[in-house]
Protein backbone atom coordinates (compact mmCIF):
# COMPACT_ATOMS: atom_id res chain seq x y z
CA MET A 1 0.00 0.00 0.00
CA THR A 2 1.30 3.42 -0.94
CA SER A 3 -0.51 6.56 0.06
CA THR A 4 0.30 10.13 0.98
CA ALA A 5 -1.33 12.25 3.63
CA ALA A 6 -3.69 15.07 2.75
CA ALA A 7 -4.87 18.07 4.70
CA LEU A 8 -8.58 18.37 5.45
CA GLU A 9 -10.55 21.59 5.58
CA LEU A 10 -14.20 22.02 6.52
CA VAL A 11 -15.76 25.35 5.56
CA ARG A 12 -19.01 26.31 7.31
CA LEU A 13 -20.06 22.68 7.14
CA THR A 14 -23.70 22.21 8.14
CA LYS A 15 -25.98 19.20 8.51
CA GLN A 16 -29.69 19.51 9.16
CA TYR A 17 -32.21 16.74 9.69
CA GLY A 18 -35.53 18.47 9.13
CA SER A 19 -35.72 21.27 11.67
CA THR A 20 -32.82 19.85 13.73
CA THR A 21 -29.32 21.19 13.14
CA ALA A 22 -26.83 18.42 13.92
CA VAL A 23 -23.73 20.28 12.70
CA ASP A 24 -23.85 24.06 12.74
CA ALA A 25 -21.57 25.82 10.21
CA ILE A 26 -18.27 24.52 11.57
CA ASP A 27 -14.86 25.58 10.27
CA LEU A 28 -11.91 23.25 10.80
CA LYS A 29 -8.43 22.76 9.35
CA ILE A 30 -6.53 19.53 10.01
CA PRO A 31 -2.93 19.42 8.70
CA ALA A 32 -1.79 16.46 6.63
CA GLY A 33 -0.46 13.55 8.68
CA SER A 34 -2.28 14.54 11.88
CA TYR A 35 -4.10 12.31 14.35
CA CYS A 36 -7.29 14.26 15.10
CA CYS A 37 -9.96 13.19 17.60
CA LEU A 38 -13.49 14.57 17.35
CA LEU A 39 -14.59 14.45 20.98
CA GLY A 40 -17.87 15.15 22.71
CA PRO A 41 -21.02 13.72 24.31
CA SER A 42 -23.72 11.83 22.42
CA GLY A 43 -25.61 14.11 20.07
CA CYS A 44 -22.89 16.74 19.77
CA GLY A 45 -22.47 16.29 15.98
CA LYS A 46 -19.15 14.45 15.84
CA THR A 47 -20.40 11.32 14.03
CA SER A 48 -22.48 13.37 11.58
CA THR A 49 -19.33 15.36 10.80
CA LEU A 50 -17.33 12.18 10.20
CA ARG A 51 -20.03 10.71 7.97
CA MET A 52 -20.16 13.88 5.87
CA ILE A 53 -16.39 13.76 5.40
CA ALA A 54 -16.72 10.13 4.30
CA GLY A 55 -19.58 10.91 1.92
CA HIS A 56 -22.05 8.66 3.75
CA GLU A 57 -24.13 11.72 4.67
CA SER A 58 -24.72 14.66 2.34
CA ALA A 59 -23.85 18.12 3.61
CA THR A 60 -26.76 20.55 3.86
CA SER A 61 -24.34 23.38 3.11
CA GLY A 62 -20.64 24.17 3.31
CA ASP A 63 -17.57 22.54 1.80
CA ILE A 64 -15.28 19.57 2.43
CA ILE A 65 -11.80 19.96 0.97
CA VAL A 66 -9.28 17.08 0.91
CA GLY A 67 -5.85 18.30 -0.16
CA PRO A 68 -6.49 20.68 -3.08
CA LYS A 69 -9.81 19.03 -4.07
CA ASN A 70 -13.33 19.99 -3.08
CA VAL A 71 -15.01 16.62 -2.47
CA THR A 72 -18.33 17.86 -1.06
CA ASN A 73 -20.44 16.36 -3.83
CA LEU A 74 -18.25 13.39 -4.75
CA PRO A 75 -19.17 9.76 -3.93
CA PRO A 76 -17.25 8.07 -1.08
CA ALA A 77 -14.92 6.15 -3.42
CA ALA A 78 -13.71 9.38 -5.07
CA ARG A 79 -12.73 11.26 -1.90
CA SER A 80 -9.32 9.69 -1.04
CA THR A 81 -10.81 8.73 2.32
CA ALA A 82 -11.71 5.38 3.88
CA MET A 83 -13.95 4.71 6.85
CA MET A 84 -13.69 2.09 9.56
CA PHE A 85 -17.12 1.57 11.08
CA GLN A 86 -17.89 1.13 14.77
CA SER A 87 -19.42 -2.31 14.12
CA TYR A 88 -16.47 -3.29 11.82
CA ALA A 89 -19.09 -4.44 9.21
CA LEU A 90 -17.10 -7.46 8.03
CA PHE A 91 -18.78 -9.84 5.58
CA PRO A 92 -19.49 -12.98 7.66
CA HIS A 93 -19.37 -15.37 4.70
CA LEU A 94 -16.01 -14.16 3.34
CA SER A 95 -12.59 -15.18 4.60
CA VAL A 96 -10.35 -12.60 6.24
CA ILE A 97 -8.26 -12.17 3.09
CA ASP A 98 -11.34 -11.77 0.90
CA ASN A 99 -12.81 -9.21 3.33
CA VAL A 100 -9.62 -7.17 3.10
CA ALA A 101 -9.41 -7.54 -0.69
CA PHE A 102 -13.09 -6.77 -1.33
CA ALA A 103 -12.66 -3.14 -2.47
CA LEU A 104 -10.06 -4.21 -5.04
CA LYS A 105 -12.38 -6.94 -6.29
CA MET A 106 -15.05 -4.29 -6.90
CA LYS A 107 -12.47 -2.35 -8.92
CA GLY A 108 -11.83 -5.39 -11.13
CA VAL A 109 -8.37 -6.24 -9.80
CA ASP A 110 -7.59 -9.91 -10.47
CA LYS A 111 -7.44 -12.35 -7.58
CA PRO A 112 -3.66 -12.94 -7.34
CA GLU A 113 -2.95 -9.21 -7.32
CA ARG A 114 -5.64 -8.27 -4.80
CA HIS A 115 -4.69 -11.15 -2.50
CA ALA A 116 -1.03 -10.12 -2.65
CA GLU A 117 -1.98 -6.59 -1.60
CA ALA A 118 -4.31 -7.91 1.12
CA ARG A 119 -1.52 -10.10 2.54
CA LYS A 120 0.75 -7.04 2.86
CA LEU A 121 -1.90 -5.28 4.92
CA LEU A 122 -2.66 -8.34 7.04
CA GLU A 123 1.06 -8.48 7.82
CA LEU A 124 0.98 -4.78 8.74
CA VAL A 125 -1.75 -5.44 11.33
CA ASP A 126 -0.23 -8.78 12.40
CA MET A 127 -3.13 -10.88 11.09
CA GLN A 128 -1.42 -12.82 8.27
CA ALA A 129 -1.85 -16.12 10.13
CA TYR A 130 -5.64 -15.71 10.10
CA ALA A 131 -6.11 -15.07 6.36
CA ALA A 132 -8.29 -18.16 5.78
CA ARG A 133 -10.57 -17.73 8.80
CA LEU A 134 -14.08 -16.31 8.80
CA PRO A 135 -14.86 -13.21 10.91
CA GLY A 136 -16.95 -15.30 13.32
CA GLN A 137 -13.81 -17.25 14.22
CA LEU A 138 -11.99 -14.10 15.40
CA SER A 139 -11.95 -12.16 18.67
CA GLY A 140 -13.09 -8.55 18.82
CA GLY A 141 -9.55 -7.23 18.66
CA GLN A 142 -8.74 -9.47 15.68
CA GLN A 143 -11.86 -8.31 13.85
CA GLN A 144 -10.80 -4.73 14.46
CA ARG A 145 -7.41 -5.37 12.84
CA VAL A 146 -9.09 -6.93 9.80
CA ALA A 147 -11.43 -3.94 9.51
CA LEU A 148 -8.41 -1.63 9.63
CA ALA A 149 -6.64 -3.57 6.89
CA ARG A 150 -9.77 -3.49 4.74
CA ALA A 151 -10.09 0.28 5.17
CA LEU A 152 -6.45 0.81 4.19
CA ILE A 153 -6.41 -1.28 1.00
CA THR A 154 -7.62 1.59 -1.19
CA SER A 155 -4.56 3.67 -0.12
CA PRO A 156 -6.58 6.50 1.44
CA GLN A 157 -5.05 9.85 2.28
CA ILE A 158 -7.33 10.15 5.30
CA LEU A 159 -8.59 7.28 7.47
CA LEU A 160 -11.88 7.92 9.29
CA LEU A 161 -12.60 5.91 12.46
CA ASP A 162 -16.04 5.87 14.10
CA GLU A 163 -15.54 4.96 17.79
CA PRO A 164 -13.26 2.06 16.80
CA LEU A 165 -12.46 1.01 20.38
CA SER A 166 -15.92 1.13 21.93
CA ALA A 167 -16.71 -2.58 21.38
CA LEU A 168 -13.55 -3.80 23.12
CA ASP A 169 -13.03 -4.69 26.77
CA PRO A 170 -11.00 -2.18 28.83
CA PHE A 171 -7.70 -4.11 28.70
CA LEU A 172 -7.86 -4.64 24.94
CA ARG A 173 -8.97 -1.05 24.42
CA LEU A 174 -5.71 0.21 25.95
CA ARG A 175 -3.65 -2.19 23.86
CA MET A 176 -5.40 -1.31 20.60
CA ARG A 177 -5.14 2.38 21.43
CA ALA A 178 -1.36 2.07 21.41
CA GLU A 179 -1.46 0.06 18.19
CA LEU A 180 -3.61 2.67 16.43
CA LYS A 181 -1.15 5.44 17.30
CA LYS A 182 1.79 3.33 16.18
CA LEU A 183 0.06 2.47 12.90
CA GLN A 184 -0.75 6.10 12.20
CA ARG A 185 2.89 7.09 12.72
CA GLU A 186 4.09 4.28 10.44
CA LEU A 187 1.64 5.08 7.64
CA GLY A 188 2.02 8.83 7.93
CA ILE A 189 -1.55 9.49 6.80
CA SER A 190 -4.22 11.53 8.56
CA PHE A 191 -6.46 9.73 11.07
CA ILE A 192 -9.75 11.33 12.12
CA HIS A 193 -11.16 9.42 15.07
CA VAL A 194 -14.57 9.96 16.71
CA THR A 195 -14.80 9.20 20.42
CA HIS A 196 -16.69 10.26 23.54
CA GLY A 197 -13.78 9.13 25.74
CA GLN A 198 -11.62 11.93 27.10
CA ASP A 199 -8.74 9.60 28.00
CA GLU A 200 -8.77 8.10 24.52
CA ALA A 201 -8.59 11.50 22.84
CA MET A 202 -5.84 12.72 25.17
CA ALA A 203 -3.71 9.62 24.56
CA LEU A 204 -4.08 9.50 20.78
CA ALA A 205 -4.58 12.93 19.31
CA ASP A 206 -2.27 15.59 17.98
CA ILE A 207 -5.41 17.73 17.68
CA VAL A 208 -8.50 17.44 19.89
CA VAL A 209 -11.71 18.98 18.52
CA LEU A 210 -14.28 19.18 21.32
CA MET A 211 -17.84 19.48 19.99
CA ASN A 212 -20.94 20.67 21.81
CA GLY A 213 -24.42 21.14 20.37
CA GLY A 214 -23.27 20.89 16.75
CA ARG A 215 -20.48 23.44 17.15
CA ILE A 216 -16.79 23.34 17.95
CA GLU A 217 -16.42 24.31 21.61
CA GLN A 218 -12.62 24.30 21.62
CA GLN A 219 -9.77 22.80 19.61
CA GLY A 220 -6.06 22.40 20.19
CA SER A 221 -3.44 19.95 21.37
CA PRO A 222 -4.40 17.71 24.29
CA ARG A 223 -2.18 19.75 26.60
CA GLU A 224 -3.72 23.04 25.43
CA ILE A 225 -7.24 21.74 25.94
CA PHE A 226 -6.46 20.32 29.38
CA ASN A 227 -4.33 23.15 30.72
CA HIS A 228 -6.26 26.05 29.20
CA PRO A 229 -9.99 25.27 28.94
CA LYS A 230 -11.86 28.29 27.65
CA THR A 231 -15.41 27.45 28.71
CA GLU A 232 -17.17 25.77 31.59
CA PHE A 233 -18.29 22.98 29.26
CA THR A 234 -14.69 22.22 28.24
CA ALA A 235 -13.43 22.23 31.82
CA LYS A 236 -16.18 19.87 33.00
CA PHE A 237 -16.09 17.52 30.02
CA ILE A 238 -12.32 17.12 29.93
CA GLY A 239 -12.26 16.51 33.70
CA GLY A 240 -9.53 17.07 36.26
CA HIS A 241 -10.76 20.62 36.94
CA ASN A 242 -12.88 22.42 39.48
CA VAL A 243 -15.22 25.09 38.14
CA ILE A 244 -15.49 27.76 40.83
CA GLY A 245 -17.33 31.09 40.80
CA VAL A 246 -15.86 33.96 42.79
CA GLY A 247 -17.72 37.24 42.46
CA ASP A 248 -18.30 37.90 38.76
CA LYS A 249 -15.49 35.53 37.66
CA THR A 250 -15.58 31.81 36.94
CA TYR A 251 -12.34 29.85 37.19
CA ALA A 252 -11.22 26.40 36.08
CA VAL A 253 -8.71 25.18 38.65
CA ARG A 254 -6.93 21.86 38.22
CA VAL A 255 -7.54 19.51 41.14
CA ASP A 256 -3.78 19.17 41.70
CA ARG A 257 -3.40 22.97 41.90
CA LEU A 258 -6.15 23.59 44.42
CA MET A 259 -4.65 24.20 47.86
CA LEU A 260 -6.39 23.83 51.21
CA LYS A 261 -5.92 26.05 54.24
CA ARG A 262 -7.60 26.22 57.61
CA PRO A 263 -9.56 29.38 58.49
CA GLY A 264 -7.13 32.08 59.66
CA GLU A 265 -4.19 30.76 57.59
CA THR A 266 -2.77 32.91 54.80
CA VAL A 267 -4.20 32.37 51.31
CA ILE A 268 -2.30 33.26 48.13
CA GLY A 269 -5.09 34.17 45.68
CA PRO A 270 -8.82 33.78 45.20
CA SER A 271 -10.46 31.47 47.73
CA VAL A 272 -13.76 29.93 48.75
CA GLU A 273 -14.78 28.47 52.09
CA GLY A 274 -16.34 25.04 52.40
CA THR A 275 -16.69 21.85 54.42
CA VAL A 276 -14.76 18.64 53.88
CA ASN A 277 -17.30 15.94 52.97
CA GLU A 278 -15.05 13.11 51.83
CA VAL A 279 -11.45 11.94 52.12
CA GLU A 280 -10.35 9.18 49.73
CA TYR A 281 -6.96 7.49 49.67
CA GLN A 282 -6.11 6.80 46.01
CA GLY A 283 -2.66 5.24 46.34
CA THR A 284 -0.53 7.92 44.71
CA TYR A 285 -2.58 10.78 46.17
CA VAL A 286 -5.38 11.65 48.58
CA ARG A 287 -8.59 13.19 47.22
CA VAL A 288 -10.28 15.67 49.54
CA ALA A 289 -13.82 16.66 48.46
CA ILE A 290 -15.26 19.94 49.72
CA THR A 291 -18.83 21.27 49.62
CA ILE A 292 -18.90 25.02 48.92
CA HIS A 293 -21.60 27.66 48.42
CA GLY A 294 -24.81 26.49 46.81
CA GLY A 295 -24.01 22.85 47.55
CA ALA A 296 -21.43 22.57 44.74
CA GLU A 297 -18.58 20.11 45.24
CA ILE A 298 -14.94 20.70 44.42
CA SER A 299 -11.93 18.54 45.17
CA ALA A 300 -8.22 18.83 45.86
CA GLN A 301 -5.63 16.23 44.98
CA LEU A 302 -2.97 16.17 47.72
CA SER A 303 0.18 14.12 47.90
CA GLU A 304 0.40 11.69 50.81
CA SER A 305 2.99 13.90 52.52
CA GLN A 306 0.82 17.03 52.09
CA PHE A 307 -2.17 15.24 53.55
CA ASP A 308 -0.19 13.73 56.43
CA VAL A 309 0.96 17.20 57.51
CA ALA A 310 -2.53 18.72 57.40
CA ASN A 311 -4.66 15.61 58.15
CA TYR A 312 -8.00 17.11 57.12
CA SER A 313 -11.10 15.31 58.40
CA VAL A 314 -14.72 15.05 57.27
CA GLY A 315 -16.84 17.92 58.64
CA GLU A 316 -13.90 20.32 58.99
CA ARG A 317 -14.17 23.87 57.62
CA VAL A 318 -11.42 24.75 55.13
CA LEU A 319 -10.45 27.45 52.66
CA ALA A 320 -9.79 26.31 49.07
CA THR A 321 -7.35 28.66 47.33
CA TRP A 322 -5.26 28.83 44.16
CA GLU A 323 -2.79 30.99 42.32
CA GLU A 324 -4.75 33.06 39.84
CA ALA A 325 -2.01 32.68 37.20
CA GLN A 326 -2.43 28.87 37.32
CA ALA A 327 -6.18 28.94 36.73
CA SER A 328 -8.19 29.59 33.57
CA LEU A 329 -10.85 32.29 33.42
CA LEU A 330 -13.88 30.80 31.72
CA THR A 331 -16.53 32.10 29.37
CA ARG A 332 -19.96 30.53 28.99
CA SER A 333 -20.59 28.00 26.22
CA SER A 334 -22.45 29.37 23.22
CA VAL A 335 -25.18 26.72 23.44
CA THR A 336 -27.19 25.20 26.27
CA VAL A 337 -26.59 21.49 26.82
CA LEU A 338 -26.90 18.82 29.46
CA SER A 339 -24.12 18.79 32.02
CA PRO A 340 -21.16 16.85 30.53
CA GLU A 341 -21.41 14.22 33.25
CA LYS A 342 -24.99 13.40 32.19
CA ALA A 343 -24.38 13.68 28.46
CA ALA A 344 -21.23 11.57 28.18
């Protein structure tokens, strides 16, 4: 298989289903050779976006540009993209090698040539020993590798993956996550991967595109998204942050940067008072949960040594404080949605 990476650009891309707007005039540029994760809760528009890029859904308006070519109105086979479906969609009556070679068969490539190409891809995904088996004789992880090989046989410039790890058990999901990243580096082509898993996106992506209500809430590298959330939705969905209102400001404060003091001790920046409601030993750290004004809960992540010195207890009044320079000032999301915890 020989293929080159292509950049992807979406220009005011919109998808409407009747009166419902699933994707709302989004603009996005993904450089060639990137691993991009479209992240967000169910119903945010990420899968509709992926399916429009693939050509399996028509765009209501806007443009899809792959490399120098506008592919908005082209059929899937003419877009230089390939899609790996969430269900894998392997043909149950065909052998592994014939599943992988199927697209070449449809193009009229003779059997020896298409099988030779399929064997190269099965070797790439370490499935050459299973070429004669049927999909029903494979594990979930093996089926996923076959589906990957089948998607790659047309030498796409962009590979589209619709929640490819969701059907796997947690242990295999971690293993296949590493294999996907390794494969993307080896091939050098663009991967666009839909997921609702924050950890998955953080581990895999060069670019995270967080979607909310059909729009792009925030985009950037995993570190940018995590360290500098711009909205309350981003801070809550990504996790690892407290969202705290002080006066007319709303801050996102990382749990490991929230400091606890007892009343009367010196604080170093903004602070809120609350009551300790839970202390959890987590092995490498101690989580201290605090109820503040309005019944909201925030938490601090303390090292064992920090906790041993202070030894906070349930029911104790404390001050939660942080350095303003290490927190993010938030703006409100542009759309109203369920809380991320309920939507995910």
